Structures are given as structure tokens and as C-alpha cells.
Amino acid sequence: MRIAIYKDTFAARRGADIAVRSLADGLRERGHDVSIATDDDHDPLGCVSGNDVCIAAGTNEMLALTDGGRTRPPVKTILQFHTHPLYPFRHWIRHWRRCRSIRRAISLADAVQVLLPSHEGVLRRKAGYRGRVCVIGNASRFGPCGSSSDDGQTIIYPAALNDDKRQALLIDAFARVAGEFPGWRVVLYGTGKSSCEKRLRARVAAAGLGDRIVFAGYCNDLTAAYSSCSFVAFPSANEGFPLTVVDAAAFRKPVLGLAETPAVAEIIADGETGLLSEAKVAAYADGLARLMSDADLRRRLGESACRHFAAIYSRSAFLDRWESALACMG
């Protein structure tokens, strides 16, 4: 099958961009003829035309393919959502004309791919979409881990440094229990605005934890970090699909997430494949202490997560679902 993936622009460190390139590579491995069109091309719509199917990698791309929701795309098109389906409508009051165009553009997709089962209902109720919906979560970037240790007494949090990711909650919660667990440390992997990092570093310094909460910066390959950590903290408040949870499971590591973050609460079974906490410092500190003090619990949750997610979010399962979706476009 000839498949064009249209992504307006790429940035090396964005999760959606990594997911798009991974999908393209995987479909090529399955024998498909895959091209990627971007706005850097002289004629991206011309690059899409002539293919069997186009995968529009977001609502911006769908707007471009449909002239703002006015015309059908040049070929059969699957619209991807890398976020919660309501995210493009978050500024409805200020940008109501654009939001109305997005709604029209969505209606012109031959199919829509969403990340989680709950997203289908949201898409139909709130965006009024009546066409075909495919639920395909992102695949882990890692295969089942062959070797993994729990010796380092290290908690990792791979995420961009920003308010939505709530590193401040993790810092404050760890500060509450750090005295009880003198051998433990937290490593934050990620970058962000310098102002945000400055505030977080000041918070760490004020807590007297400068030697135990480490800012490791962006890491392109987290294999060693996942392999050697004891568990993963994930106090993110806004997620389309918590890929970190799936990646941690590949290494048999449990995740402490937030019960109020819908995507996280949907994918983690509390007490079975990870733990969920309230978004309060005391509650998150209790969750940290529970995992830090119980190696058997960490092992049980990690093994359960690995078994559960391997069948759902492996690379092969991910590509199988995409091939099924594409076959229906023929």
C-alpha cells in the first residue's frame, strides 16, 4: 500500500514527532511504501495526492488537507490524535472560528485514530464525529527487557520540565519522606524553559536536597535509566497517552501516577499494574514511601505491568492494529 504521512513540522524531542517517525518506520518494515510530507516540501498536498491513503498527524494537518474544513482531502485520510480529543478545542472562547473549522475538518476524515477507548466517546459526543474510529495506543519504544535491576534506590521521572508535568509535586513529596529513606534519590530527565528549571532548582535547594534530586537534562536513550531505577514517578497532570507508563512496564518497573489524570488512571490499574495517588503532596509522599519501602511490591507491580502491557502495547501489536485500520481504507 502507498501511504503518505503528513506532519506539518518535526522537532526531534517531541513525543508526537517520535511516534510519527516510529509509525512510518514500522509500516515500511511491513512492506508498505511510506512517504512523509511536511510543510517544508514545496507542495505537501501534491505529495499526498496519488497515494492510497494519507495519515494526517494532527488537526493542523487535517485543516490544511481540507482547506479549513471546506473540501474533502485529496485521498482517503485517517486523522491521528496524539492528545486527548478535546485538546484542540481548549481555547474555544478566544478562537471559536478556528475551533469550528477544526470540527468541520474532523468530520471530513474517513477514519480517526484515538489513543484510548474513552477518547472515542469524547470524540463522538463533543466533536460530533460519526465516522469510523480506531483505538490504537502508542507502542513502547522498548521491547521486553532482558535484564533489569532494582539496586540503585533511584526514582526517575522522564518528562519535559513544565507546570503540566508537575515536577514540583514530586520534589515536595520526596522532601517529606527523604529523611526516612537516606539512600534514595530522584533523577529528572528532561528540559524546558530556563525559567521553569530555575524555579525547580530553587525548590530543590530550599529543601536541602541538591545532592539527592538530580537534573539530568534530555536523554535520547533511557534504556540504562529504566533498567537501573527502582520505579518511575509520573505526576503529570495532562496526558493524551502516558507512553512513559508503557515504557516503564517494558523494564518491569512500576509507576506512581495521578488518579486525577484521566489517561493515566485509564491505563494504570491501581494496585495491580502500578499505583495512583491524589495530586496532593501528602498523598504523593505516601505513595513514594510505599514503593520505596517495599521491594516485593515493586517487583509484583512491575511484573504484572510487563505481562499486561506486552500484549497490548508491543510494537507488533501496534503495527497489527494500524495495518487493520489501513486495510479498511482500501
Protein backbone atom coordinates (compact mmCIF):
# COMPACT_ATOMS: atom_id res chain seq x y z
CA MET A 1 0.00 0.00 0.00
CA ARG A 2 1.18 3.52 -0.80
CA ILE A 3 0.85 5.61 2.36
CA ALA A 4 1.60 9.31 2.82
CA ILE A 5 2.03 10.58 6.36
CA TYR A 6 1.52 14.34 6.55
CA LYS A 7 3.16 16.07 9.53
CA ASP A 8 3.42 19.85 9.33
CA THR A 9 6.82 20.06 11.03
CA PHE A 10 9.19 17.95 13.11
CA ALA A 11 11.12 18.60 16.31
CA ALA A 12 13.44 15.84 17.44
CA ARG A 13 12.34 15.72 21.07
CA ARG A 14 8.55 15.93 20.82
CA GLY A 15 6.70 12.74 21.64
CA ALA A 16 4.25 13.06 18.75
CA ASP A 17 7.08 13.51 16.27
CA ILE A 18 8.90 10.45 17.61
CA ALA A 19 5.64 8.46 17.36
CA VAL A 20 5.08 9.53 13.74
CA ARG A 21 8.58 8.51 12.65
CA SER A 22 8.23 5.22 14.53
CA LEU A 23 4.94 4.51 12.73
CA ALA A 24 6.50 5.29 9.34
CA ASP A 25 9.48 3.03 10.03
CA GLY A 26 7.24 0.22 11.24
CA LEU A 27 4.95 0.33 8.23
CA ARG A 28 7.97 0.29 5.93
CA GLU A 29 9.20 -2.81 7.76
CA ARG A 30 5.83 -4.40 6.99
CA GLY A 31 6.41 -3.80 3.27
CA HIS A 32 4.38 -0.63 2.70
CA ASP A 33 5.58 2.25 0.52
CA VAL A 34 5.59 5.11 3.05
CA SER A 35 6.44 8.74 2.36
CA ILE A 36 6.42 11.65 4.80
CA ALA A 37 5.19 15.07 3.65
CA THR A 38 5.86 18.23 5.65
CA ASP A 39 5.29 21.93 5.19
CA ASP A 40 8.94 22.19 4.19
CA ASP A 41 8.02 20.47 0.93
CA HIS A 42 7.27 22.75 -1.99
CA ASP A 43 3.84 21.15 -2.41
CA PRO A 44 2.86 18.94 0.56
CA LEU A 45 -0.68 18.36 -0.77
CA GLY A 46 0.82 17.26 -4.07
CA CYS A 47 2.99 14.80 -2.16
CA VAL A 48 -0.14 13.35 -0.57
CA SER A 49 -2.07 13.04 -3.84
CA GLY A 50 -1.58 9.78 -5.72
CA ASN A 51 -1.21 7.65 -2.59
CA ASP A 52 -3.72 5.05 -1.47
CA VAL A 53 -4.12 6.53 1.99
CA CYS A 54 -2.96 9.61 3.90
CA ILE A 55 -2.38 9.67 7.64
CA ALA A 56 -2.87 13.24 8.87
CA ALA A 57 -0.75 13.53 12.01
CA GLY A 58 -3.00 16.04 13.77
CA THR A 59 -5.78 18.58 13.40
CA ASN A 60 -3.44 21.24 11.95
CA GLU A 61 -2.65 18.83 9.14
CA MET A 62 -6.32 17.97 8.68
CA LEU A 63 -7.15 21.66 8.35
CA ALA A 64 -4.52 22.00 5.63
CA LEU A 65 -5.75 18.93 3.75
CA THR A 66 -9.36 20.17 3.77
CA ASP A 67 -8.81 23.89 3.19
CA GLY A 68 -10.02 24.71 6.68
CA GLY A 69 -12.79 22.14 6.64
CA ARG A 70 -14.23 23.21 3.29
CA THR A 71 -13.26 20.34 0.96
CA ARG A 72 -12.52 16.65 1.24
CA PRO A 73 -8.87 15.55 1.34
CA PRO A 74 -7.29 14.51 -1.99
CA VAL A 75 -7.14 10.84 -0.87
CA LYS A 76 -8.73 8.71 1.82
CA THR A 77 -7.45 10.02 5.14
CA ILE A 78 -7.02 8.78 8.69
CA LEU A 79 -6.71 11.58 11.24
CA GLN A 80 -4.38 10.89 14.17
CA PHE A 81 -4.89 12.25 17.66
CA HIS A 82 -1.68 12.38 19.71
CA THR A 83 -3.56 14.13 22.51
CA HIS A 84 -6.94 13.99 24.20
CA PRO A 85 -9.59 14.75 21.52
CA LEU A 86 -10.68 17.93 23.33
CA TYR A 87 -7.18 19.40 23.42
CA PRO A 88 -7.51 21.23 20.05
CA PHE A 89 -10.66 22.93 21.39
CA ARG A 90 -9.13 24.19 24.63
CA HIS A 91 -9.31 27.85 23.56
CA TRP A 92 -12.87 27.75 22.27
CA ILE A 93 -13.85 31.20 23.57
CA ARG A 94 -10.88 33.08 22.11
CA HIS A 95 -10.54 31.07 18.90
CA TRP A 96 -14.08 29.92 18.18
CA ARG A 97 -13.74 30.32 14.41
CA ARG A 98 -10.67 28.08 14.30
CA CYS A 99 -12.33 25.54 16.59
CA ARG A 100 -15.36 25.47 14.31
CA SER A 101 -13.07 24.84 11.33
CA ILE A 102 -11.34 22.00 13.25
CA ARG A 103 -14.71 20.39 13.91
CA ARG A 104 -15.59 20.58 10.20
CA ALA A 105 -12.17 19.20 9.21
CA ILE A 106 -12.55 16.25 11.59
CA SER A 107 -15.91 15.42 10.03
CA LEU A 108 -14.20 15.01 6.64
CA ALA A 109 -11.80 12.30 7.83
CA ASP A 110 -12.56 8.79 6.55
CA ALA A 111 -11.43 7.44 9.93
CA VAL A 112 -9.99 8.83 13.15
CA GLN A 113 -7.38 7.15 15.32
CA VAL A 114 -7.55 7.84 19.06
CA LEU A 115 -5.23 6.64 21.79
CA LEU A 116 -7.57 5.26 24.46
CA PRO A 117 -11.05 3.67 24.49
CA SER A 118 -12.57 6.59 26.43
CA HIS A 119 -11.43 9.01 23.71
CA GLU A 120 -13.87 7.52 21.19
CA GLY A 121 -16.89 8.54 23.25
CA VAL A 122 -15.47 12.03 23.79
CA LEU A 123 -14.83 12.44 20.06
CA ARG A 124 -18.38 11.45 19.17
CA ARG A 125 -20.12 13.41 21.95
CA LYS A 126 -18.08 16.61 21.90
CA ALA A 127 -16.81 16.84 18.31
CA GLY A 128 -19.84 15.18 16.72
CA TYR A 129 -17.78 12.73 14.69
CA ARG A 130 -19.88 9.98 13.13
CA GLY A 131 -17.34 8.05 11.08
CA ARG A 132 -15.03 5.15 11.83
CA VAL A 133 -12.89 5.34 14.97
CA CYS A 134 -9.81 3.19 15.54
CA VAL A 135 -8.42 2.89 19.06
CA ILE A 136 -4.65 2.44 18.74
CA GLY A 137 -2.43 3.33 21.66
CA ASN A 138 1.22 4.15 21.11
CA ALA A 139 3.77 1.33 21.25
CA SER A 140 6.56 1.19 23.75
CA ARG A 141 9.89 2.28 22.35
CA PHE A 142 11.45 -0.76 24.05
CA GLY A 143 10.97 -4.49 23.71
CA PRO A 144 10.52 -6.68 26.80
CA CYS A 145 13.58 -6.07 28.93
CA GLY A 146 16.03 -8.94 29.20
CA SER A 147 17.85 -7.68 32.28
CA SER A 148 16.71 -5.19 34.87
CA SER A 149 17.88 -4.40 38.38
CA ASP A 150 16.47 -2.71 41.46
CA ASP A 151 19.67 -1.92 43.30
CA GLY A 152 20.10 1.79 42.82
CA GLN A 153 17.39 3.17 45.14
CA THR A 154 16.64 5.62 42.35
CA ILE A 155 13.35 7.14 41.25
CA ILE A 156 13.28 8.56 37.73
CA TYR A 157 10.88 10.95 36.06
CA PRO A 158 11.37 11.37 32.29
CA ALA A 159 9.35 14.41 31.19
CA ALA A 160 9.71 17.93 29.86
CA LEU A 161 10.20 20.47 32.62
CA ASN A 162 6.92 22.39 32.76
CA ASP A 163 3.97 23.05 35.04
CA ASP A 164 1.78 20.36 33.44
CA LYS A 165 4.31 17.67 34.32
CA ARG A 166 4.27 18.75 37.99
CA GLN A 167 7.89 18.14 38.90
CA ALA A 168 7.24 20.50 41.83
CA LEU A 169 4.78 17.99 43.32
CA LEU A 170 7.38 15.24 43.13
CA ILE A 171 10.07 17.45 44.68
CA ASP A 172 7.84 18.50 47.58
CA ALA A 173 6.60 14.94 48.16
CA PHE A 174 10.10 13.49 48.13
CA ALA A 175 11.23 16.19 50.57
CA ARG A 176 8.61 14.94 53.06
CA VAL A 177 9.98 11.40 53.11
CA ALA A 178 13.64 11.86 52.20
CA GLY A 179 14.72 11.70 55.84
CA GLU A 180 13.20 8.25 56.24
CA PHE A 181 14.99 6.93 53.14
CA PRO A 182 18.52 8.37 53.24
CA GLY A 183 19.87 6.20 50.42
CA TRP A 184 17.29 7.23 47.84
CA ARG A 185 17.46 9.88 45.14
CA VAL A 186 15.34 11.30 42.30
CA VAL A 187 16.61 11.86 38.74
CA LEU A 188 14.67 14.22 36.49
CA TYR A 189 15.24 13.59 32.78
CA GLY A 190 14.07 16.42 30.54
CA THR A 191 14.47 20.04 29.58
CA GLY A 192 12.16 23.02 29.41
CA LYS A 193 12.11 26.77 29.67
CA SER A 194 15.06 28.07 31.67
CA SER A 195 12.67 29.95 33.96
CA CYS A 196 10.89 26.71 34.89
CA GLU A 197 14.11 24.85 35.55
CA LYS A 198 15.35 27.75 37.66
CA ARG A 199 12.21 27.62 39.84
CA LEU A 200 12.51 23.86 40.26
CA ARG A 201 16.19 24.07 41.17
CA ALA A 202 15.37 26.74 43.76
CA ARG A 203 12.73 24.43 45.22
CA VAL A 204 15.26 21.61 45.49
CA ALA A 205 17.83 23.90 47.10
CA ALA A 206 15.28 25.21 49.61
CA ALA A 207 14.52 21.62 50.62
CA GLY A 208 18.25 20.94 51.11
CA LEU A 209 18.15 18.11 48.55
CA GLY A 210 20.62 19.39 45.98
CA ASP A 211 22.65 16.18 46.17
CA ARG A 212 19.61 13.87 46.00
CA ILE A 213 17.41 15.39 43.29
CA VAL A 214 19.37 15.44 40.05
CA PHE A 215 18.58 17.39 36.88
CA ALA A 216 19.95 15.08 34.19
CA GLY A 217 18.73 17.00 31.13
CA TYR A 218 17.38 15.43 27.97
CA CYS A 219 18.42 11.84 27.33
CA ASN A 220 17.90 10.34 23.89
CA ASP A 221 18.18 6.74 25.12
CA LEU A 222 16.69 5.96 28.52
CA THR A 223 17.50 2.25 28.44
CA ALA A 224 20.06 2.46 31.24
CA ALA A 225 17.83 4.76 33.31
CA TYR A 226 14.82 2.44 33.13
CA SER A 227 16.97 -0.67 33.63
CA SER A 228 18.61 0.50 36.85
CA CYS A 229 15.88 2.55 38.56
CA SER A 230 13.65 1.16 41.28
CA PHE A 231 10.47 2.77 39.99
CA VAL A 232 9.13 5.67 37.95
CA ALA A 233 7.34 8.74 39.29
CA PHE A 234 4.80 10.22 36.89
CA PRO A 235 2.83 13.09 38.49
CA SER A 236 1.82 14.54 35.11
CA ALA A 237 -1.47 16.44 35.05
CA ASN A 238 -2.13 16.45 31.32
CA GLU A 239 -1.62 13.42 29.08
CA GLY A 240 -3.03 12.22 25.80
CA PHE A 241 -1.34 8.86 26.22
CA PRO A 242 1.18 8.18 29.03
CA LEU A 243 3.90 6.47 26.99
CA THR A 244 6.24 6.62 29.97
CA VAL A 245 3.96 4.18 31.79
CA VAL A 246 4.21 1.69 28.93
CA ASP A 247 7.98 2.16 28.59
CA ALA A 248 8.47 1.55 32.31
CA ALA A 249 6.45 -1.66 32.07
CA ALA A 250 8.80 -2.94 29.36
CA PHE A 251 11.50 -2.90 32.04
CA ARG A 252 9.18 -4.34 34.70
CA LYS A 253 9.17 -1.09 36.68
CA PRO A 254 6.04 0.21 38.43
CA VAL A 255 4.78 3.77 38.03
CA LEU A 256 3.27 6.12 40.60
CA GLY A 257 0.77 8.27 38.70
CA LEU A 258 -2.09 10.64 39.50
CA ALA A 259 -5.65 9.37 39.79
CA GLU A 260 -7.00 12.70 38.53
CA THR A 261 -5.16 12.47 35.18
CA PRO A 262 -7.69 10.59 33.02
CA ALA A 263 -5.29 8.93 30.59
CA VAL A 264 -3.03 7.77 33.43
CA ALA A 265 -5.92 6.45 35.51
CA GLU A 266 -7.28 4.64 32.46
CA ILE A 267 -4.06 2.80 31.71
CA ILE A 268 -2.81 2.02 35.25
CA ALA A 269 -4.82 -0.46 37.29
CA ASP A 270 -4.22 0.85 40.83
CA GLY A 271 -2.57 -1.78 42.98
CA GLU A 272 -2.24 -4.18 40.05
CA THR A 273 0.00 -2.64 37.37
CA GLY A 274 1.06 0.47 39.29
CA LEU A 275 -0.15 2.93 41.91
CA LEU A 276 -2.37 6.00 41.65
CA SER A 277 -2.29 8.92 44.07
CA GLU A 278 -4.19 12.11 44.74
CA ALA A 279 -2.47 15.23 43.44
CA LYS A 280 -1.57 16.37 46.94
CA VAL A 281 1.89 16.47 48.44
CA ALA A 282 1.00 14.30 51.44
CA ALA A 283 -0.76 11.67 49.31
CA TYR A 284 2.02 11.53 46.74
CA ALA A 285 4.60 11.29 49.52
CA ASP A 286 2.69 8.32 50.93
CA GLY A 287 2.80 6.66 47.51
CA LEU A 288 6.53 7.25 47.22
CA ALA A 289 7.13 5.85 50.70
CA ARG A 290 5.01 2.79 49.97
CA LEU A 291 7.10 1.89 46.93
CA MET A 292 10.44 2.89 48.47
CA SER A 293 9.87 0.68 51.50
CA ASP A 294 8.58 -2.46 49.76
CA ALA A 295 10.77 -4.17 47.15
CA ASP A 296 8.31 -7.07 46.88
CA LEU A 297 5.51 -4.65 45.98
CA ARG A 298 7.70 -3.01 43.34
CA ARG A 299 8.54 -6.40 41.87
CA ARG A 300 4.92 -7.60 41.84
CA LEU A 301 3.57 -4.43 40.24
CA GLY A 302 6.39 -4.31 37.69
CA GLU A 303 5.97 -7.91 36.61
CA SER A 304 2.20 -7.50 36.33
CA ALA A 305 2.59 -4.33 34.25
CA CYS A 306 5.04 -6.06 31.93
CA ARG A 307 2.71 -9.01 31.32
CA HIS A 308 -0.33 -6.79 30.82
CA PHE A 309 1.17 -4.17 28.51
CA ALA A 310 3.28 -6.58 26.41
CA ALA A 311 0.13 -7.94 24.78
CA ILE A 312 -1.44 -4.52 24.18
CA TYR A 313 1.33 -2.03 23.54
CA SER A 314 4.11 -4.04 21.96
CA ARG A 315 5.44 -2.81 18.62
CA SER A 316 3.99 -5.81 16.78
CA ALA A 317 0.52 -5.31 18.28
CA PHE A 318 0.70 -1.60 17.44
CA LEU A 319 1.57 -2.28 13.80
CA ASP A 320 -1.06 -5.02 13.51
CA ARG A 321 -3.74 -2.54 14.56
CA TRP A 322 -2.51 0.08 12.15
CA GLU A 323 -2.46 -2.39 9.28
CA SER A 324 -6.04 -3.39 10.08
CA ALA A 325 -7.09 0.26 10.07
CA LEU A 326 -5.36 0.92 6.77
CA ALA A 327 -6.83 -2.20 5.16
CA CYS A 328 -10.31 -0.83 5.77
CA MET A 329 -9.41 2.25 3.70
CA GLY A 330 -8.94 0.17 0.55
